[in-house]
Amino acid sequence: MSDDRPSFPTLQAARLYGILDLGYVLPAEVESMTESLCLGGVDLLQLRAKKLTLQEIEKLARLMLPITRAHGVPFIINDHLAIAAEIGSEGVHVGQDDDAVAKARAVVGPKVFVGKSTHSLVQAAAAQEEDADYIGFGPLYATGTKPDYVPIGIHDISQVHQQVKLPIFCIGGVNLPRLPEIVQAGARRVVVVSALLQAASISQYVQEVKALLP
């Protein structure tokens, strides 16, 4: 395990959270895609690979980490606590059906931040009580990334920001055309997945999204 993590901007300063999802990206494209996302200016970058083996995920994570570090972008592993601990990523993300925040933090150590997915105001408040470092809140819209999840809409965005003092990243079907209404509803931070990964120019898309965020 690596303990030479450099200093990074705070989660509070982050606005655009990118997810490199292997449902949209071929393993052979991971390094170039990571570079493009970082050059564009994502504030956080997560690796999500639901259908790959643990060995394959760790291999890709080890390819991504030097690139994200070179750009000063915190790198987050989705789900796999042992991989995050082994490679020394800056963060780990868990879902509602995954390990509790306390267990995640016990595995990855105090230097690694822990984020949690939430799909309602109740779950968002519970994640804050769990002492998560940030939450994802959504899915706002129907999304091919997680087709089994019922969208929660944008009407609770303002209220979740009143109730929860953690950094809140709105997620699920977020793209440039929808971003103005998401921001108007009260969002300060967003996660973009498929729209970003499938953009003609990833770096330009990142910049256009960030220009619309408060």
N, C-alpha and C. Protein backbone atom coordinates (compact mmCIF):
# COMPACT_ATOMS: atom_id res chain seq x y z
N MET A 1 0.84 -1.20 0.00
CA MET A 1 0.00 0.00 0.00
C MET A 1 0.87 1.25 0.00
N SER A 2 0.44 2.25 -0.78
CA SER A 2 1.20 3.49 -0.88
C SER A 2 0.70 4.50 0.16
N ASP A 3 1.63 5.17 0.83
CA ASP A 3 1.27 6.21 1.78
C ASP A 3 1.82 7.57 1.36
N ASP A 4 2.23 7.68 0.09
CA ASP A 4 2.84 8.92 -0.37
C ASP A 4 1.82 9.79 -1.11
N ARG A 5 0.62 9.86 -0.57
CA ARG A 5 -0.41 10.65 -1.23
C ARG A 5 -0.07 12.13 -1.13
N PRO A 6 -0.08 12.84 -2.26
CA PRO A 6 0.20 14.28 -2.21
C PRO A 6 -1.02 15.03 -1.70
N SER A 7 -0.86 16.33 -1.50
CA SER A 7 -1.98 17.16 -1.08
C SER A 7 -2.85 17.49 -2.29
N PHE A 8 -4.16 17.53 -2.08
CA PHE A 8 -5.11 17.82 -3.14
C PHE A 8 -6.06 18.92 -2.69
N PRO A 9 -6.75 19.57 -3.66
CA PRO A 9 -7.82 20.50 -3.27
C PRO A 9 -8.87 19.77 -2.43
N THR A 10 -9.60 20.51 -1.63
CA THR A 10 -10.60 19.91 -0.76
C THR A 10 -11.83 19.46 -1.55
N LEU A 11 -12.59 18.55 -0.96
CA LEU A 11 -13.85 18.13 -1.56
C LEU A 11 -14.80 19.32 -1.68
N GLN A 12 -14.74 20.22 -0.74
CA GLN A 12 -15.61 21.40 -0.78
C GLN A 12 -15.36 22.22 -2.05
N ALA A 13 -14.14 22.20 -2.54
CA ALA A 13 -13.81 22.99 -3.73
C ALA A 13 -14.22 22.30 -5.02
N ALA A 14 -14.51 21.01 -4.96
CA ALA A 14 -14.83 20.24 -6.17
C ALA A 14 -16.22 20.60 -6.69
N ARG A 15 -16.37 20.67 -8.00
CA ARG A 15 -17.65 20.95 -8.63
C ARG A 15 -18.07 19.87 -9.62
N LEU A 16 -17.12 19.36 -10.39
CA LEU A 16 -17.44 18.36 -11.42
C LEU A 16 -16.73 17.05 -11.11
N TYR A 17 -17.54 16.02 -10.93
CA TYR A 17 -17.07 14.68 -10.58
C TYR A 17 -17.26 13.81 -11.82
N GLY A 18 -16.15 13.33 -12.36
CA GLY A 18 -16.22 12.45 -13.52
C GLY A 18 -16.12 10.99 -13.09
N ILE A 19 -16.83 10.13 -13.81
CA ILE A 19 -16.73 8.69 -13.56
C ILE A 19 -16.32 8.01 -14.85
N LEU A 20 -15.21 7.32 -14.80
CA LEU A 20 -14.77 6.53 -15.94
C LEU A 20 -15.40 5.16 -15.78
N ASP A 21 -16.50 4.96 -16.48
CA ASP A 21 -17.32 3.76 -16.35
C ASP A 21 -16.98 2.80 -17.48
N LEU A 22 -16.56 1.59 -17.12
CA LEU A 22 -16.15 0.61 -18.13
C LEU A 22 -17.34 0.05 -18.91
N GLY A 23 -18.54 0.50 -18.58
CA GLY A 23 -19.68 0.19 -19.42
C GLY A 23 -19.68 1.01 -20.70
N TYR A 24 -18.90 2.10 -20.71
CA TYR A 24 -18.84 2.99 -21.87
C TYR A 24 -17.45 3.07 -22.49
N VAL A 25 -16.45 2.59 -21.76
CA VAL A 25 -15.07 2.76 -22.18
C VAL A 25 -14.38 1.41 -22.25
N LEU A 26 -13.67 1.15 -23.33
CA LEU A 26 -12.90 -0.08 -23.44
C LEU A 26 -11.66 0.00 -22.56
N PRO A 27 -11.23 -1.12 -21.99
CA PRO A 27 -10.03 -1.08 -21.16
C PRO A 27 -8.83 -0.45 -21.87
N ALA A 28 -8.71 -0.68 -23.16
CA ALA A 28 -7.58 -0.13 -23.92
C ALA A 28 -7.62 1.39 -24.00
N GLU A 29 -8.80 1.98 -23.75
CA GLU A 29 -8.96 3.43 -23.85
C GLU A 29 -8.82 4.14 -22.51
N VAL A 30 -8.63 3.38 -21.45
CA VAL A 30 -8.68 3.96 -20.11
C VAL A 30 -7.61 5.02 -19.90
N GLU A 31 -6.38 4.76 -20.30
CA GLU A 31 -5.31 5.74 -20.06
C GLU A 31 -5.57 7.04 -20.83
N SER A 32 -5.92 6.94 -22.10
CA SER A 32 -6.15 8.15 -22.89
C SER A 32 -7.39 8.89 -22.40
N MET A 33 -8.40 8.15 -21.99
CA MET A 33 -9.61 8.78 -21.47
C MET A 33 -9.33 9.49 -20.15
N THR A 34 -8.54 8.88 -19.31
CA THR A 34 -8.16 9.51 -18.05
C THR A 34 -7.43 10.82 -18.30
N GLU A 35 -6.52 10.78 -19.24
CA GLU A 35 -5.76 11.99 -19.59
C GLU A 35 -6.69 13.10 -20.09
N SER A 36 -7.63 12.74 -20.95
CA SER A 36 -8.55 13.74 -21.50
C SER A 36 -9.43 14.35 -20.41
N LEU A 37 -9.93 13.50 -19.52
CA LEU A 37 -10.78 13.98 -18.43
C LEU A 37 -10.01 14.92 -17.51
N CYS A 38 -8.79 14.56 -17.21
CA CYS A 38 -7.97 15.39 -16.32
C CYS A 38 -7.56 16.69 -17.00
N LEU A 39 -7.20 16.62 -18.27
CA LEU A 39 -6.84 17.83 -19.01
C LEU A 39 -8.02 18.79 -19.10
N GLY A 40 -9.21 18.23 -19.26
CA GLY A 40 -10.40 19.07 -19.33
C GLY A 40 -10.66 19.80 -18.03
N GLY A 41 -10.33 19.16 -16.92
CA GLY A 41 -10.47 19.83 -15.63
C GLY A 41 -11.47 19.20 -14.68
N VAL A 42 -11.72 17.88 -14.78
CA VAL A 42 -12.58 17.27 -13.76
C VAL A 42 -11.92 17.45 -12.39
N ASP A 43 -12.75 17.63 -11.38
CA ASP A 43 -12.23 17.87 -10.04
C ASP A 43 -12.00 16.58 -9.26
N LEU A 44 -12.75 15.55 -9.61
CA LEU A 44 -12.61 14.21 -9.02
C LEU A 44 -12.79 13.22 -10.15
N LEU A 45 -12.17 12.05 -10.03
CA LEU A 45 -12.35 11.02 -11.06
C LEU A 45 -12.45 9.65 -10.40
N GLN A 46 -13.53 8.95 -10.74
CA GLN A 46 -13.77 7.63 -10.18
C GLN A 46 -13.65 6.56 -11.26
N LEU A 47 -13.14 5.41 -10.87
CA LEU A 47 -13.15 4.23 -11.72
C LEU A 47 -14.29 3.33 -11.28
N ARG A 48 -15.20 3.06 -12.23
CA ARG A 48 -16.31 2.14 -11.96
C ARG A 48 -16.28 1.05 -13.03
N ALA A 49 -16.14 -0.20 -12.59
CA ALA A 49 -16.01 -1.32 -13.51
C ALA A 49 -16.77 -2.51 -12.94
N LYS A 50 -18.07 -2.52 -13.17
CA LYS A 50 -18.94 -3.50 -12.52
C LYS A 50 -18.72 -4.93 -13.02
N LYS A 51 -18.28 -5.10 -14.26
CA LYS A 51 -18.23 -6.43 -14.85
C LYS A 51 -16.83 -6.99 -14.99
N LEU A 52 -15.84 -6.27 -14.51
CA LEU A 52 -14.47 -6.74 -14.60
C LEU A 52 -14.07 -7.50 -13.34
N THR A 53 -13.06 -8.33 -13.46
CA THR A 53 -12.54 -9.04 -12.30
C THR A 53 -11.76 -8.07 -11.41
N LEU A 54 -11.55 -8.46 -10.17
CA LEU A 54 -10.78 -7.63 -9.25
C LEU A 54 -9.37 -7.38 -9.79
N GLN A 55 -8.79 -8.40 -10.39
CA GLN A 55 -7.45 -8.25 -10.94
C GLN A 55 -7.44 -7.23 -12.08
N GLU A 56 -8.45 -7.28 -12.93
CA GLU A 56 -8.53 -6.33 -14.04
C GLU A 56 -8.76 -4.90 -13.53
N ILE A 57 -9.60 -4.77 -12.52
CA ILE A 57 -9.88 -3.44 -11.97
C ILE A 57 -8.62 -2.85 -11.35
N GLU A 58 -7.90 -3.66 -10.59
CA GLU A 58 -6.68 -3.15 -9.97
C GLU A 58 -5.66 -2.75 -11.03
N LYS A 59 -5.56 -3.53 -12.09
CA LYS A 59 -4.61 -3.20 -13.16
C LYS A 59 -4.95 -1.84 -13.78
N LEU A 60 -6.23 -1.61 -14.05
CA LEU A 60 -6.64 -0.33 -14.64
C LEU A 60 -6.43 0.82 -13.64
N ALA A 61 -6.73 0.56 -12.38
CA ALA A 61 -6.54 1.60 -11.36
C ALA A 61 -5.08 2.02 -11.28
N ARG A 62 -4.19 1.06 -11.39
CA ARG A 62 -2.76 1.37 -11.33
C ARG A 62 -2.29 2.14 -12.56
N LEU A 63 -3.00 1.99 -13.67
CA LEU A 63 -2.69 2.79 -14.86
C LEU A 63 -3.19 4.22 -14.71
N MET A 64 -4.35 4.36 -14.06
CA MET A 64 -4.96 5.67 -13.93
C MET A 64 -4.30 6.55 -12.88
N LEU A 65 -3.89 5.94 -11.78
CA LEU A 65 -3.41 6.71 -10.63
C LEU A 65 -2.25 7.66 -10.95
N PRO A 66 -1.23 7.24 -11.70
CA PRO A 66 -0.15 8.20 -11.99
C PRO A 66 -0.63 9.39 -12.82
N ILE A 67 -1.64 9.16 -13.67
CA ILE A 67 -2.15 10.25 -14.51
C ILE A 67 -2.94 11.23 -13.66
N THR A 68 -3.82 10.72 -12.81
CA THR A 68 -4.61 11.62 -11.97
C THR A 68 -3.71 12.39 -11.00
N ARG A 69 -2.70 11.72 -10.47
CA ARG A 69 -1.78 12.39 -9.55
C ARG A 69 -1.01 13.50 -10.26
N ALA A 70 -0.61 13.24 -11.50
CA ALA A 70 0.14 14.24 -12.25
C ALA A 70 -0.69 15.50 -12.48
N HIS A 71 -2.01 15.34 -12.53
CA HIS A 71 -2.90 16.48 -12.75
C HIS A 71 -3.51 17.02 -11.46
N GLY A 72 -3.18 16.41 -10.33
CA GLY A 72 -3.72 16.87 -9.07
C GLY A 72 -5.19 16.60 -8.89
N VAL A 73 -5.66 15.49 -9.49
CA VAL A 73 -7.08 15.12 -9.41
C VAL A 73 -7.23 13.92 -8.48
N PRO A 74 -7.99 14.04 -7.39
CA PRO A 74 -8.20 12.89 -6.51
C PRO A 74 -8.85 11.72 -7.25
N PHE A 75 -8.33 10.53 -7.02
CA PHE A 75 -8.78 9.31 -7.70
C PHE A 75 -9.57 8.46 -6.73
N ILE A 76 -10.74 7.98 -7.18
CA ILE A 76 -11.68 7.27 -6.33
C ILE A 76 -11.99 5.90 -6.92
N ILE A 77 -11.99 4.89 -6.09
CA ILE A 77 -12.36 3.54 -6.50
C ILE A 77 -13.80 3.28 -6.09
N ASN A 78 -14.60 2.79 -7.02
CA ASN A 78 -15.98 2.43 -6.72
C ASN A 78 -16.04 1.03 -6.11
N ASP A 79 -16.65 0.91 -4.95
CA ASP A 79 -16.98 -0.38 -4.33
C ASP A 79 -15.83 -1.12 -3.66
N HIS A 80 -14.70 -1.23 -4.33
CA HIS A 80 -13.68 -2.22 -3.94
C HIS A 80 -12.69 -1.64 -2.94
N LEU A 81 -13.00 -1.81 -1.68
CA LEU A 81 -12.21 -1.23 -0.61
C LEU A 81 -10.77 -1.74 -0.60
N ALA A 82 -10.62 -3.03 -0.81
CA ALA A 82 -9.27 -3.63 -0.75
C ALA A 82 -8.38 -3.06 -1.85
N ILE A 83 -8.95 -2.83 -3.03
CA ILE A 83 -8.15 -2.25 -4.11
C ILE A 83 -7.75 -0.82 -3.77
N ALA A 84 -8.71 -0.06 -3.24
CA ALA A 84 -8.40 1.32 -2.85
C ALA A 84 -7.27 1.35 -1.82
N ALA A 85 -7.35 0.44 -0.85
CA ALA A 85 -6.32 0.40 0.18
C ALA A 85 -4.97 -0.04 -0.40
N GLU A 86 -5.00 -0.99 -1.30
CA GLU A 86 -3.77 -1.54 -1.86
C GLU A 86 -3.03 -0.53 -2.72
N ILE A 87 -3.75 0.20 -3.56
CA ILE A 87 -3.07 1.12 -4.49
C ILE A 87 -2.86 2.50 -3.87
N GLY A 88 -3.59 2.80 -2.79
CA GLY A 88 -3.44 4.11 -2.17
C GLY A 88 -4.21 5.21 -2.88
N SER A 89 -5.42 4.91 -3.32
CA SER A 89 -6.23 5.95 -3.95
C SER A 89 -6.65 6.99 -2.93
N GLU A 90 -7.05 8.16 -3.43
CA GLU A 90 -7.44 9.24 -2.52
C GLU A 90 -8.82 9.02 -1.91
N GLY A 91 -9.67 8.25 -2.64
CA GLY A 91 -11.02 8.06 -2.14
C GLY A 91 -11.60 6.72 -2.53
N VAL A 92 -12.72 6.39 -1.89
CA VAL A 92 -13.48 5.19 -2.22
C VAL A 92 -14.95 5.57 -2.15
N HIS A 93 -15.76 4.92 -2.98
CA HIS A 93 -17.19 5.22 -3.01
C HIS A 93 -17.98 3.93 -2.79
N VAL A 94 -18.99 4.02 -1.91
CA VAL A 94 -19.83 2.87 -1.62
C VAL A 94 -21.29 3.20 -1.89
N GLY A 95 -22.05 2.18 -2.27
CA GLY A 95 -23.47 2.35 -2.54
C GLY A 95 -24.30 2.00 -1.32
N GLN A 96 -25.62 2.15 -1.46
CA GLN A 96 -26.53 1.83 -0.37
C GLN A 96 -26.46 0.37 0.04
N ASP A 97 -26.17 -0.51 -0.91
CA ASP A 97 -26.13 -1.94 -0.63
C ASP A 97 -24.72 -2.44 -0.35
N ASP A 98 -23.75 -1.52 -0.30
CA ASP A 98 -22.36 -1.90 -0.07
C ASP A 98 -22.02 -1.74 1.42
N ASP A 99 -20.74 -1.73 1.71
CA ASP A 99 -20.28 -1.64 3.09
C ASP A 99 -20.63 -0.28 3.71
N ALA A 100 -20.82 -0.27 5.00
CA ALA A 100 -21.06 0.96 5.73
C ALA A 100 -19.83 1.85 5.67
N VAL A 101 -20.05 3.15 5.86
CA VAL A 101 -18.95 4.10 5.80
C VAL A 101 -17.88 3.76 6.83
N ALA A 102 -18.29 3.38 8.03
CA ALA A 102 -17.32 3.05 9.09
C ALA A 102 -16.44 1.87 8.69
N LYS A 103 -17.06 0.85 8.09
CA LYS A 103 -16.28 -0.30 7.65
C LYS A 103 -15.33 0.09 6.53
N ALA A 104 -15.82 0.90 5.60
CA ALA A 104 -14.96 1.35 4.50
C ALA A 104 -13.76 2.10 5.04
N ARG A 105 -14.00 2.99 5.99
CA ARG A 105 -12.91 3.78 6.54
C ARG A 105 -11.93 2.90 7.33
N ALA A 106 -12.43 1.85 7.94
CA ALA A 106 -11.56 0.94 8.67
C ALA A 106 -10.62 0.20 7.72
N VAL A 107 -11.11 -0.07 6.51
CA VAL A 107 -10.29 -0.79 5.53
C VAL A 107 -9.28 0.14 4.86
N VAL A 108 -9.74 1.31 4.44
CA VAL A 108 -8.87 2.17 3.62
C VAL A 108 -8.01 3.11 4.45
N GLY A 109 -8.38 3.31 5.71
CA GLY A 109 -7.56 4.16 6.56
C GLY A 109 -8.05 5.60 6.59
N PRO A 110 -7.54 6.38 7.53
CA PRO A 110 -8.04 7.74 7.77
C PRO A 110 -7.68 8.75 6.70
N LYS A 111 -6.71 8.45 5.85
CA LYS A 111 -6.29 9.41 4.84
C LYS A 111 -7.18 9.37 3.58
N VAL A 112 -8.01 8.37 3.49
CA VAL A 112 -8.83 8.17 2.29
C VAL A 112 -10.26 8.64 2.58
N PHE A 113 -10.80 9.49 1.70
CA PHE A 113 -12.18 9.93 1.94
C PHE A 113 -13.16 8.89 1.41
N VAL A 114 -14.34 8.87 2.02
CA VAL A 114 -15.36 7.88 1.71
C VAL A 114 -16.65 8.59 1.28
N GLY A 115 -17.11 8.29 0.07
CA GLY A 115 -18.37 8.83 -0.41
C GLY A 115 -19.44 7.77 -0.44
N LYS A 116 -20.71 8.20 -0.42
CA LYS A 116 -21.81 7.25 -0.40
C LYS A 116 -22.91 7.69 -1.35
N SER A 117 -23.50 6.72 -2.07
CA SER A 117 -24.64 6.99 -2.93
C SER A 117 -25.90 7.11 -2.08
N THR A 118 -26.73 8.10 -2.41
CA THR A 118 -28.01 8.25 -1.73
C THR A 118 -29.09 8.51 -2.77
N HIS A 119 -30.31 8.02 -2.48
CA HIS A 119 -31.39 8.09 -3.46
C HIS A 119 -32.64 8.75 -2.89
N SER A 120 -32.51 9.40 -1.75
CA SER A 120 -33.64 10.09 -1.12
C SER A 120 -33.11 11.02 -0.05
N LEU A 121 -33.98 11.90 0.44
CA LEU A 121 -33.59 12.79 1.52
C LEU A 121 -33.24 12.01 2.78
N VAL A 122 -33.99 10.95 3.05
CA VAL A 122 -33.73 10.13 4.23
C VAL A 122 -32.35 9.48 4.15
N GLN A 123 -32.03 8.92 2.98
CA GLN A 123 -30.71 8.30 2.82
C GLN A 123 -29.59 9.33 2.89
N ALA A 124 -29.82 10.52 2.37
CA ALA A 124 -28.81 11.57 2.42
C ALA A 124 -28.51 11.96 3.87
N ALA A 125 -29.56 12.13 4.66
CA ALA A 125 -29.38 12.46 6.07
C ALA A 125 -28.67 11.33 6.82
N ALA A 126 -29.01 10.09 6.46
CA ALA A 126 -28.37 8.94 7.11
C ALA A 126 -26.89 8.87 6.78
N ALA A 127 -26.53 9.20 5.54
CA ALA A 127 -25.12 9.19 5.15
C ALA A 127 -24.34 10.24 5.92
N GLN A 128 -24.97 11.37 6.18
CA GLN A 128 -24.31 12.40 6.99
C GLN A 128 -24.09 11.89 8.41
N GLU A 129 -25.09 11.19 8.96
CA GLU A 129 -24.95 10.62 10.30
C GLU A 129 -23.87 9.55 10.34
N GLU A 130 -23.69 8.86 9.20
CA GLU A 130 -22.63 7.84 9.09
C GLU A 130 -21.24 8.45 9.01
N ASP A 131 -21.21 9.77 8.84
CA ASP A 131 -19.93 10.48 8.73
C ASP A 131 -19.26 10.26 7.38
N ALA A 132 -20.07 10.12 6.32
CA ALA A 132 -19.51 10.10 4.96
C ALA A 132 -18.83 11.44 4.69
N ASP A 133 -17.87 11.44 3.78
CA ASP A 133 -17.18 12.68 3.43
C ASP A 133 -17.90 13.47 2.35
N TYR A 134 -18.67 12.78 1.52
CA TYR A 134 -19.53 13.43 0.53
C TYR A 134 -20.62 12.44 0.15
N ILE A 135 -21.66 12.93 -0.53
CA ILE A 135 -22.68 12.02 -1.04
C ILE A 135 -22.95 12.27 -2.52
N GLY A 136 -23.36 11.20 -3.20
CA GLY A 136 -23.99 11.33 -4.49
C GLY A 136 -25.49 11.34 -4.25
N PHE A 137 -26.24 12.20 -4.97
CA PHE A 137 -27.68 12.32 -4.76
C PHE A 137 -28.39 12.16 -6.09
N GLY A 138 -29.16 11.07 -6.22
CA GLY A 138 -29.84 10.81 -7.48
C GLY A 138 -30.32 9.36 -7.53
N PRO A 139 -30.62 8.87 -8.73
CA PRO A 139 -30.47 9.55 -10.03
C PRO A 139 -31.57 10.57 -10.26
N LEU A 140 -31.17 11.75 -10.75
CA LEU A 140 -32.13 12.79 -11.03
C LEU A 140 -33.06 12.41 -12.17
N TYR A 141 -32.48 11.77 -13.19
CA TYR A 141 -33.23 11.37 -14.38
C TYR A 141 -32.97 9.89 -14.65
N ALA A 142 -33.79 9.31 -15.52
CA ALA A 142 -33.52 7.94 -15.96
C ALA A 142 -32.17 7.92 -16.66
N THR A 143 -31.40 6.88 -16.41
CA THR A 143 -30.06 6.82 -16.97
C THR A 143 -29.69 5.41 -17.36
N GLY A 144 -29.03 5.27 -18.49
CA GLY A 144 -28.58 3.97 -18.95
C GLY A 144 -27.47 3.40 -18.09
N THR A 145 -26.79 4.27 -17.34
CA THR A 145 -25.72 3.80 -16.47
C THR A 145 -26.27 2.90 -15.37
N LYS A 146 -27.45 3.27 -14.83
CA LYS A 146 -28.10 2.46 -13.80
C LYS A 146 -29.59 2.35 -14.14
N PRO A 147 -29.92 1.52 -15.14
CA PRO A 147 -31.30 1.47 -15.63
C PRO A 147 -32.33 0.96 -14.61
N ASP A 148 -31.89 0.25 -13.58
CA ASP A 148 -32.82 -0.31 -12.60
C ASP A 148 -33.24 0.70 -11.53
N TYR A 149 -32.60 1.87 -11.51
CA TYR A 149 -32.90 2.86 -10.48
C TYR A 149 -34.02 3.79 -10.94
N VAL A 150 -34.99 4.02 -10.06
CA VAL A 150 -36.09 4.94 -10.35
C VAL A 150 -35.60 6.37 -10.15
N PRO A 151 -35.73 7.24 -11.15
CA PRO A 151 -35.26 8.62 -10.98
C PRO A 151 -36.04 9.35 -9.89
N ILE A 152 -35.34 10.19 -9.15
CA ILE A 152 -35.98 10.91 -8.05
C ILE A 152 -36.37 12.33 -8.44
N GLY A 153 -35.94 12.78 -9.62
CA GLY A 153 -36.27 14.13 -10.06
C GLY A 153 -35.38 15.18 -9.41
N ILE A 154 -35.71 16.44 -9.68
CA ILE A 154 -34.86 17.54 -9.20
C ILE A 154 -35.51 18.34 -8.07
N HIS A 155 -36.74 17.97 -7.67
CA HIS A 155 -37.47 18.80 -6.71
C HIS A 155 -36.89 18.77 -5.30
N ASP A 156 -36.08 17.75 -4.96
CA ASP A 156 -35.51 17.66 -3.61
C ASP A 156 -34.09 18.24 -3.51
N ILE A 157 -33.58 18.75 -4.62
CA ILE A 157 -32.18 19.24 -4.61
C ILE A 157 -32.01 20.38 -3.61
N SER A 158 -32.91 21.33 -3.62
CA SER A 158 -32.80 22.46 -2.71
C SER A 158 -32.87 22.00 -1.26
N GLN A 159 -33.80 21.09 -0.98
CA GLN A 159 -33.99 20.65 0.41
C GLN A 159 -32.81 19.84 0.92
N VAL A 160 -32.23 19.00 0.06
CA VAL A 160 -31.10 18.20 0.53
C VAL A 160 -29.91 19.09 0.87
N HIS A 161 -29.79 20.21 0.16
CA HIS A 161 -28.70 21.14 0.48
C HIS A 161 -28.96 21.89 1.79
N GLN A 162 -30.21 22.01 2.17
CA GLN A 162 -30.53 22.62 3.45
C GLN A 162 -30.30 21.66 4.61
N GLN A 163 -30.55 20.38 4.37
CA GLN A 163 -30.48 19.38 5.43
C GLN A 163 -29.09 18.78 5.62
N VAL A 164 -28.33 18.71 4.56
CA VAL A 164 -27.04 18.01 4.58
C VAL A 164 -25.92 19.00 4.30
N LYS A 165 -24.94 19.03 5.16
CA LYS A 165 -23.85 20.00 5.04
C LYS A 165 -22.62 19.42 4.34
N LEU A 166 -22.67 18.15 3.99
CA LEU A 166 -21.58 17.54 3.23
C LEU A 166 -21.59 18.05 1.80
N PRO A 167 -20.49 17.92 1.06
CA PRO A 167 -20.54 18.15 -0.38
C PRO A 167 -21.53 17.18 -1.02
N ILE A 168 -22.44 17.71 -1.82
CA ILE A 168 -23.50 16.92 -2.46
C ILE A 168 -23.29 16.96 -3.96
N PHE A 169 -23.10 15.79 -4.56
CA PHE A 169 -22.91 15.69 -6.01
C PHE A 169 -24.16 15.10 -6.63
N CYS A 170 -24.89 15.89 -7.38
CA CYS A 170 -26.11 15.43 -8.04
C CYS A 170 -25.74 14.57 -9.24
N ILE A 171 -26.40 13.43 -9.38
CA ILE A 171 -25.99 12.42 -10.35
C ILE A 171 -27.21 11.79 -11.02
N GLY A 172 -27.00 11.27 -12.21
CA GLY A 172 -28.03 10.50 -12.88
C GLY A 172 -28.65 11.23 -14.05
N GLY A 173 -28.15 10.97 -15.26
CA GLY A 173 -28.68 11.60 -16.45
C GLY A 173 -28.27 13.06 -16.60
N VAL A 174 -27.25 13.47 -15.90
CA VAL A 174 -26.79 14.87 -15.98
C VAL A 174 -26.04 15.08 -17.29
N ASN A 175 -26.44 16.11 -18.03
CA ASN A 175 -25.75 16.48 -19.26
C ASN A 175 -25.88 17.98 -19.47
N LEU A 176 -25.24 18.49 -20.50
CA LEU A 176 -25.24 19.94 -20.73
C LEU A 176 -26.64 20.52 -20.92
N PRO A 177 -27.51 19.91 -21.76
CA PRO A 177 -28.84 20.50 -21.93
C PRO A 177 -29.65 20.58 -20.64
N ARG A 178 -29.45 19.62 -19.72
CA ARG A 178 -30.21 19.60 -18.48
C ARG A 178 -29.57 20.44 -17.37
N LEU A 179 -28.32 20.79 -17.55
CA LEU A 179 -27.59 21.41 -16.45
C LEU A 179 -28.21 22.73 -15.96
N PRO A 180 -28.69 23.61 -16.83
CA PRO A 180 -29.28 24.85 -16.31
C PRO A 180 -30.43 24.61 -15.33
N GLU A 181 -31.32 23.65 -15.62
CA GLU A 181 -32.43 23.41 -14.70
C GLU A 181 -31.96 22.73 -13.42
N ILE A 182 -30.90 21.93 -13.51
CA ILE A 182 -30.35 21.30 -12.32
C ILE A 182 -29.73 22.34 -11.39
N VAL A 183 -29.00 23.27 -11.98
CA VAL A 183 -28.39 24.35 -11.19
C VAL A 183 -29.48 25.26 -10.62
N GLN A 184 -30.49 25.57 -11.42
CA GLN A 184 -31.59 26.41 -10.95
C GLN A 184 -32.32 25.76 -9.77
N ALA A 185 -32.35 24.43 -9.76
CA ALA A 185 -33.00 23.70 -8.67
C ALA A 185 -32.16 23.70 -7.39
N GLY A 186 -30.92 24.18 -7.49
CA GLY A 186 -30.11 24.31 -6.29
C GLY A 186 -28.81 23.53 -6.26
N ALA A 187 -28.51 22.79 -7.32
CA ALA A 187 -27.28 21.98 -7.34
C ALA A 187 -26.04 22.87 -7.42
N ARG A 188 -25.03 22.47 -6.71
CA ARG A 188 -23.74 23.16 -6.75
C ARG A 188 -22.64 22.28 -7.36
N ARG A 189 -22.88 20.97 -7.31
CA ARG A 189 -21.89 20.00 -7.80
C ARG A 189 -22.63 18.90 -8.55
N VAL A 190 -22.00 18.37 -9.60
CA VAL A 190 -22.65 17.31 -10.37
C VAL A 190 -21.66 16.21 -10.72
N VAL A 191 -22.23 15.05 -11.00
CA VAL A 191 -21.49 13.93 -11.58
C VAL A 191 -21.99 13.75 -13.01
N VAL A 192 -21.07 13.64 -13.94
CA VAL A 192 -21.43 13.37 -15.34
C VAL A 192 -20.73 12.10 -15.77
N VAL A 193 -21.48 11.20 -16.40
CA VAL A 193 -20.90 9.91 -16.79
C VAL A 193 -20.99 9.75 -18.31
N SER A 194 -22.10 9.20 -18.81
CA SER A 194 -22.17 8.83 -20.22
C SER A 194 -22.04 10.03 -21.16
N ALA A 195 -22.67 11.15 -20.82
CA ALA A 195 -22.59 12.32 -21.70
C ALA A 195 -21.14 12.78 -21.86
N LEU A 196 -20.39 12.65 -20.81
CA LEU A 196 -18.99 13.07 -20.83
C LEU A 196 -18.14 12.07 -21.59
N LEU A 197 -18.32 10.80 -21.30
CA LEU A 197 -17.49 9.77 -21.92
C LEU A 197 -17.76 9.60 -23.41
N GLN A 198 -18.95 9.98 -23.85
CA GLN A 198 -19.32 9.84 -25.26
C GLN A 198 -19.23 11.14 -26.04
N ALA A 199 -18.71 12.19 -25.41
CA ALA A 199 -18.60 13.48 -26.08
C ALA A 199 -17.56 13.44 -27.19
N ALA A 200 -17.79 14.23 -28.22
CA ALA A 200 -16.83 14.30 -29.33
C ALA A 200 -15.49 14.83 -28.85
N SER A 201 -15.53 15.81 -27.97
CA SER A 201 -14.32 16.33 -27.33
C SER A 201 -14.55 16.32 -25.82
N ILE A 202 -13.93 15.37 -25.15
CA ILE A 202 -14.15 15.23 -23.72
C ILE A 202 -13.68 16.45 -22.95
N SER A 203 -12.49 16.93 -23.27
CA SER A 203 -11.95 18.09 -22.56
C SER A 203 -12.84 19.31 -22.73
N GLN A 204 -13.35 19.52 -23.95
CA GLN A 204 -14.23 20.66 -24.19
C GLN A 204 -15.54 20.50 -23.42
N TYR A 205 -16.06 19.28 -23.37
CA TYR A 205 -17.31 19.04 -22.64
C TYR A 205 -17.14 19.33 -21.16
N VAL A 206 -16.03 18.90 -20.62
CA VAL A 206 -15.72 19.19 -19.21
C VAL A 206 -15.74 20.69 -18.97
N GLN A 207 -15.08 21.42 -19.83
CA GLN A 207 -14.98 22.86 -19.66
C GLN A 207 -16.34 23.54 -19.77
N GLU A 208 -17.19 23.05 -20.69
CA GLU A 208 -18.51 23.64 -20.86
C GLU A 208 -19.41 23.37 -19.65
N VAL A 209 -19.29 22.16 -19.09
CA VAL A 209 -20.05 21.84 -17.88
C VAL A 209 -19.61 22.74 -16.72
N LYS A 210 -18.32 22.85 -16.52
CA LYS A 210 -17.80 23.64 -15.40
C LYS A 210 -18.18 25.12 -15.52
N ALA A 211 -18.29 25.59 -16.76
CA ALA A 211 -18.66 27.00 -16.97
C ALA A 211 -20.09 27.29 -16.52
N LEU A 212 -20.94 26.26 -16.46
CA LEU A 212 -22.33 26.44 -16.06
C LEU A 212 -22.57 26.19 -14.58
N LEU A 213 -21.56 25.68 -13.89
CA LEU A 213 -21.72 25.37 -12.46
C LEU A 213 -21.43 26.61 -11.61
N PRO A 214 -22.13 26.76 -10.50
CA PRO A 214 -21.93 27.95 -9.66
C PRO A 214 -20.56 27.97 -9.00
